[in-house]
N, C-alpha and C. Protein backbone atom coordinates (compact mmCIF):
# COMPACT_ATOMS: atom_id res chain seq x y z
N MET A 1 32.76 -60.47 17.04
CA MET A 1 33.14 -59.09 17.20
C MET A 1 34.62 -58.85 16.94
N TYR A 2 35.44 -59.90 17.03
CA TYR A 2 36.87 -59.71 16.84
C TYR A 2 37.18 -59.39 15.39
N GLY A 3 37.99 -58.35 15.21
CA GLY A 3 38.48 -58.04 13.88
C GLY A 3 37.55 -57.21 13.02
N ALA A 4 36.34 -56.94 13.44
CA ALA A 4 35.41 -56.16 12.62
C ALA A 4 35.34 -54.74 13.17
N PRO A 5 35.51 -53.73 12.32
CA PRO A 5 35.40 -52.35 12.80
C PRO A 5 33.95 -52.02 13.10
N MET A 6 33.76 -51.22 14.12
CA MET A 6 32.42 -50.78 14.48
C MET A 6 32.23 -49.38 13.90
N LEU A 7 31.21 -49.19 13.08
CA LEU A 7 30.98 -47.92 12.42
C LEU A 7 29.81 -47.21 13.07
N SER A 8 29.94 -45.91 13.20
CA SER A 8 28.81 -45.09 13.61
C SER A 8 28.79 -43.88 12.71
N SER A 9 27.81 -43.04 12.87
CA SER A 9 27.71 -41.88 12.01
C SER A 9 28.76 -40.83 12.36
N LEU A 10 29.35 -40.90 13.56
CA LEU A 10 30.28 -39.87 13.99
C LEU A 10 31.75 -40.28 13.87
N HIS A 11 32.05 -41.54 14.09
CA HIS A 11 33.45 -41.95 14.10
C HIS A 11 33.57 -43.43 13.76
N VAL A 12 34.82 -43.82 13.56
CA VAL A 12 35.13 -45.23 13.34
C VAL A 12 35.97 -45.68 14.52
N SER A 13 35.57 -46.74 15.19
CA SER A 13 36.36 -47.26 16.30
C SER A 13 36.69 -48.72 16.02
N VAL A 14 37.83 -49.15 16.52
CA VAL A 14 38.28 -50.52 16.33
C VAL A 14 37.86 -51.32 17.56
N SER A 15 37.31 -52.50 17.34
CA SER A 15 36.78 -53.29 18.46
C SER A 15 37.87 -53.88 19.34
N THR A 16 38.99 -54.30 18.77
CA THR A 16 40.06 -54.92 19.57
C THR A 16 41.41 -54.51 19.00
N PRO A 17 42.46 -54.56 19.84
CA PRO A 17 43.81 -54.30 19.33
C PRO A 17 44.26 -55.38 18.36
N ARG A 18 43.62 -56.54 18.40
CA ARG A 18 43.98 -57.65 17.51
C ARG A 18 43.85 -57.24 16.04
N LEU A 19 42.91 -56.33 15.75
CA LEU A 19 42.70 -55.88 14.38
C LEU A 19 43.96 -55.24 13.81
N ILE A 20 44.65 -54.47 14.63
CA ILE A 20 45.85 -53.80 14.16
C ILE A 20 47.00 -54.80 14.04
N ALA A 21 47.09 -55.74 14.97
CA ALA A 21 48.19 -56.70 14.95
C ALA A 21 48.05 -57.73 13.85
N ASP A 22 46.84 -58.07 13.49
CA ASP A 22 46.61 -59.11 12.49
C ASP A 22 46.58 -58.46 11.10
N HIS A 23 47.61 -58.73 10.27
CA HIS A 23 47.72 -58.06 8.98
C HIS A 23 46.57 -58.39 8.04
N LYS A 24 45.89 -59.50 8.24
CA LYS A 24 44.78 -59.86 7.38
C LYS A 24 43.57 -58.96 7.61
N ASN A 25 43.46 -58.39 8.79
CA ASN A 25 42.29 -57.59 9.14
C ASN A 25 42.53 -56.09 9.05
N ILE A 26 43.69 -55.68 8.60
CA ILE A 26 43.94 -54.24 8.49
C ILE A 26 43.12 -53.65 7.35
N LYS A 27 42.96 -54.38 6.27
CA LYS A 27 42.24 -53.86 5.11
C LYS A 27 40.81 -53.44 5.44
N PRO A 28 40.02 -54.21 6.22
CA PRO A 28 38.68 -53.73 6.55
C PRO A 28 38.68 -52.40 7.28
N ALA A 29 39.68 -52.18 8.16
CA ALA A 29 39.74 -50.91 8.88
C ALA A 29 40.05 -49.78 7.92
N ILE A 30 40.96 -50.01 6.98
CA ILE A 30 41.30 -48.98 5.99
C ILE A 30 40.09 -48.68 5.12
N ASN A 31 39.38 -49.73 4.70
CA ASN A 31 38.17 -49.52 3.90
C ASN A 31 37.11 -48.76 4.67
N ALA A 32 36.99 -49.04 5.98
CA ALA A 32 36.00 -48.35 6.80
C ALA A 32 36.32 -46.87 6.89
N VAL A 33 37.60 -46.53 7.05
CA VAL A 33 38.00 -45.12 7.11
C VAL A 33 37.76 -44.45 5.77
N ALA A 34 38.11 -45.12 4.68
CA ALA A 34 37.89 -44.55 3.35
C ALA A 34 36.41 -44.36 3.09
N GLU A 35 35.58 -45.32 3.53
CA GLU A 35 34.14 -45.20 3.34
C GLU A 35 33.59 -44.03 4.15
N SER A 36 34.12 -43.84 5.36
CA SER A 36 33.69 -42.73 6.20
C SER A 36 34.04 -41.40 5.55
N ASN A 37 35.26 -41.31 4.98
CA ASN A 37 35.67 -40.08 4.30
C ASN A 37 34.82 -39.81 3.08
N SER A 38 34.49 -40.85 2.31
CA SER A 38 33.68 -40.64 1.11
C SER A 38 32.27 -40.22 1.50
N ARG A 39 31.76 -40.74 2.60
CA ARG A 39 30.43 -40.30 3.07
C ARG A 39 30.46 -38.84 3.47
N ALA A 40 31.53 -38.41 4.13
CA ALA A 40 31.64 -37.01 4.54
C ALA A 40 31.70 -36.11 3.31
N ARG A 41 32.46 -36.52 2.29
CA ARG A 41 32.52 -35.72 1.06
C ARG A 41 31.16 -35.68 0.38
N ALA A 42 30.45 -36.80 0.38
CA ALA A 42 29.13 -36.84 -0.25
C ALA A 42 28.16 -35.93 0.49
N ARG A 43 28.24 -35.92 1.84
CA ARG A 43 27.36 -35.03 2.61
C ARG A 43 27.69 -33.57 2.31
N ALA A 44 28.98 -33.24 2.17
CA ALA A 44 29.37 -31.87 1.87
C ALA A 44 28.86 -31.46 0.50
N ARG A 45 28.96 -32.37 -0.49
CA ARG A 45 28.43 -32.06 -1.82
C ARG A 45 26.93 -31.88 -1.78
N THR A 46 26.25 -32.73 -1.01
CA THR A 46 24.79 -32.63 -0.91
C THR A 46 24.39 -31.30 -0.30
N ARG A 47 25.11 -30.89 0.75
CA ARG A 47 24.81 -29.59 1.36
C ARG A 47 25.03 -28.46 0.37
N ALA A 48 26.11 -28.53 -0.42
CA ALA A 48 26.39 -27.48 -1.39
C ALA A 48 25.30 -27.42 -2.45
N VAL A 49 24.85 -28.57 -2.92
CA VAL A 49 23.78 -28.61 -3.92
C VAL A 49 22.49 -28.06 -3.33
N ASN A 50 22.17 -28.47 -2.10
CA ASN A 50 20.96 -27.97 -1.46
C ASN A 50 21.01 -26.46 -1.26
N ASP A 51 22.18 -25.93 -0.89
CA ASP A 51 22.31 -24.48 -0.74
C ASP A 51 22.11 -23.78 -2.07
N GLY A 52 22.66 -24.35 -3.14
CA GLY A 52 22.48 -23.76 -4.47
C GLY A 52 21.04 -23.79 -4.92
N ILE A 53 20.36 -24.90 -4.66
CA ILE A 53 18.95 -25.01 -5.05
C ILE A 53 18.10 -24.04 -4.25
N SER A 54 18.36 -23.92 -2.95
CA SER A 54 17.56 -23.00 -2.15
C SER A 54 17.81 -21.56 -2.56
N ALA A 55 19.04 -21.24 -2.98
CA ALA A 55 19.32 -19.89 -3.45
C ALA A 55 18.57 -19.60 -4.74
N ILE A 56 18.49 -20.58 -5.62
CA ILE A 56 17.75 -20.40 -6.87
C ILE A 56 16.26 -20.30 -6.60
N ALA A 57 15.77 -21.15 -5.71
CA ALA A 57 14.33 -21.16 -5.41
C ALA A 57 13.89 -19.88 -4.73
N SER A 58 14.77 -19.27 -3.94
CA SER A 58 14.39 -18.05 -3.24
C SER A 58 14.52 -16.82 -4.12
N SER A 59 15.15 -16.94 -5.28
CA SER A 59 15.27 -15.81 -6.19
C SER A 59 13.92 -15.52 -6.84
N ASP A 60 13.85 -14.42 -7.54
CA ASP A 60 12.60 -13.99 -8.16
C ASP A 60 12.23 -14.94 -9.30
N PRO A 61 11.08 -15.63 -9.22
CA PRO A 61 10.71 -16.57 -10.28
C PRO A 61 10.38 -15.88 -11.60
N ALA A 62 10.13 -14.59 -11.60
CA ALA A 62 9.84 -13.88 -12.84
C ALA A 62 11.08 -13.81 -13.73
N GLN A 63 12.26 -13.93 -13.15
CA GLN A 63 13.49 -13.86 -13.93
C GLN A 63 13.74 -15.15 -14.70
N ALA A 64 13.16 -16.24 -14.27
CA ALA A 64 13.39 -17.53 -14.93
C ALA A 64 12.41 -17.69 -16.08
N GLU A 65 12.84 -17.30 -17.27
CA GLU A 65 11.99 -17.42 -18.45
C GLU A 65 12.36 -18.69 -19.21
N VAL A 66 11.36 -19.33 -19.78
CA VAL A 66 11.60 -20.47 -20.65
C VAL A 66 11.57 -19.94 -22.08
N THR A 67 12.74 -19.86 -22.67
CA THR A 67 12.85 -19.31 -24.03
C THR A 67 12.80 -20.45 -25.04
N TRP A 68 12.72 -20.09 -26.31
CA TRP A 68 12.67 -21.11 -27.35
C TRP A 68 13.98 -21.90 -27.40
N GLN A 69 15.09 -21.25 -27.00
CA GLN A 69 16.38 -21.96 -27.00
C GLN A 69 16.38 -23.09 -25.97
N ILE A 70 15.76 -22.84 -24.83
CA ILE A 70 15.69 -23.88 -23.80
C ILE A 70 14.83 -25.04 -24.26
N VAL A 71 13.70 -24.73 -24.88
CA VAL A 71 12.80 -25.77 -25.37
C VAL A 71 13.47 -26.58 -26.47
N ALA A 72 14.12 -25.89 -27.41
CA ALA A 72 14.79 -26.59 -28.51
C ALA A 72 15.94 -27.46 -27.98
N GLY A 73 16.68 -26.95 -27.02
CA GLY A 73 17.77 -27.73 -26.43
C GLY A 73 17.27 -28.96 -25.70
N ALA A 74 16.15 -28.81 -24.99
CA ALA A 74 15.58 -29.95 -24.27
C ALA A 74 15.12 -31.02 -25.25
N LEU A 75 14.46 -30.61 -26.32
CA LEU A 75 14.01 -31.58 -27.33
C LEU A 75 15.20 -32.25 -28.01
N ALA A 76 16.23 -31.47 -28.32
CA ALA A 76 17.41 -32.04 -28.96
C ALA A 76 18.13 -33.01 -28.03
N GLY A 77 18.06 -32.77 -26.74
CA GLY A 77 18.71 -33.66 -25.79
C GLY A 77 17.95 -34.95 -25.57
N VAL A 78 16.63 -34.88 -25.63
CA VAL A 78 15.79 -36.05 -25.35
C VAL A 78 15.59 -36.92 -26.58
N ALA A 79 15.54 -36.32 -27.76
CA ALA A 79 15.21 -37.04 -29.00
C ALA A 79 16.08 -38.28 -29.25
N PRO A 80 17.40 -38.23 -29.10
CA PRO A 80 18.20 -39.44 -29.36
C PRO A 80 17.83 -40.61 -28.44
N PHE A 81 17.47 -40.31 -27.20
CA PHE A 81 17.11 -41.38 -26.28
C PHE A 81 15.76 -41.99 -26.63
N VAL A 82 14.85 -41.17 -27.12
CA VAL A 82 13.55 -41.68 -27.56
C VAL A 82 13.74 -42.60 -28.76
N VAL A 83 14.52 -42.15 -29.73
CA VAL A 83 14.78 -42.96 -30.92
C VAL A 83 15.48 -44.26 -30.54
N ALA A 84 16.47 -44.19 -29.66
CA ALA A 84 17.18 -45.39 -29.23
C ALA A 84 16.24 -46.36 -28.52
N GLY A 85 15.35 -45.84 -27.70
CA GLY A 85 14.38 -46.70 -27.02
C GLY A 85 13.47 -47.42 -27.99
N ILE A 86 13.03 -46.72 -29.01
CA ILE A 86 12.17 -47.34 -30.02
C ILE A 86 12.93 -48.42 -30.78
N GLU A 87 14.15 -48.10 -31.20
CA GLU A 87 14.94 -49.07 -31.96
C GLU A 87 15.29 -50.30 -31.12
N PHE A 88 15.65 -50.11 -29.87
CA PHE A 88 15.97 -51.26 -29.02
C PHE A 88 14.74 -52.10 -28.74
N SER A 89 13.58 -51.45 -28.59
CA SER A 89 12.36 -52.24 -28.37
C SER A 89 12.04 -53.09 -29.60
N LYS A 90 12.28 -52.55 -30.80
CA LYS A 90 12.09 -53.35 -32.02
C LYS A 90 13.02 -54.55 -32.02
N ARG A 91 14.27 -54.32 -31.63
CA ARG A 91 15.26 -55.40 -31.61
C ARG A 91 14.87 -56.46 -30.58
N ILE A 92 14.37 -56.04 -29.44
CA ILE A 92 13.95 -57.00 -28.40
C ILE A 92 12.78 -57.83 -28.88
N VAL A 93 11.80 -57.19 -29.52
CA VAL A 93 10.63 -57.91 -30.04
C VAL A 93 11.06 -58.91 -31.10
N ARG A 94 11.96 -58.49 -32.00
CA ARG A 94 12.45 -59.38 -33.05
C ARG A 94 13.19 -60.57 -32.44
N GLY A 95 13.98 -60.33 -31.40
CA GLY A 95 14.71 -61.41 -30.74
C GLY A 95 13.78 -62.36 -30.02
N ALA A 96 12.70 -61.86 -29.45
CA ALA A 96 11.74 -62.72 -28.75
C ALA A 96 10.98 -63.58 -29.74
N GLU A 97 10.72 -63.07 -30.95
CA GLU A 97 10.00 -63.84 -31.96
C GLU A 97 10.86 -64.98 -32.50
N GLU A 98 12.17 -64.81 -32.52
CA GLU A 98 13.07 -65.84 -33.03
C GLU A 98 13.17 -67.02 -32.09
N LEU A 99 12.91 -66.81 -30.82
CA LEU A 99 13.00 -67.91 -29.85
C LEU A 99 11.82 -68.77 -30.04
């Protein structure tokens, strides 16, 4: 238990004063605080995304039309990945045959 920070969902507490006095163990405490801050930011972003999705979902679904531009854009976005997948699978098969 000495030197290891104790993490909970609400706060970060240090198990002993030795952690602060021992310069080798300061880094884990700093990393724990940084990790806690990044988790808080991630939760805030998740809440913002969820609020945006719920606002869109509660709006009138008749307004959301799928136009030809959306379909063409989706196909144009997916097509390169399909082609790349086919080409890489050919390369993998060719490499397996050489072994």
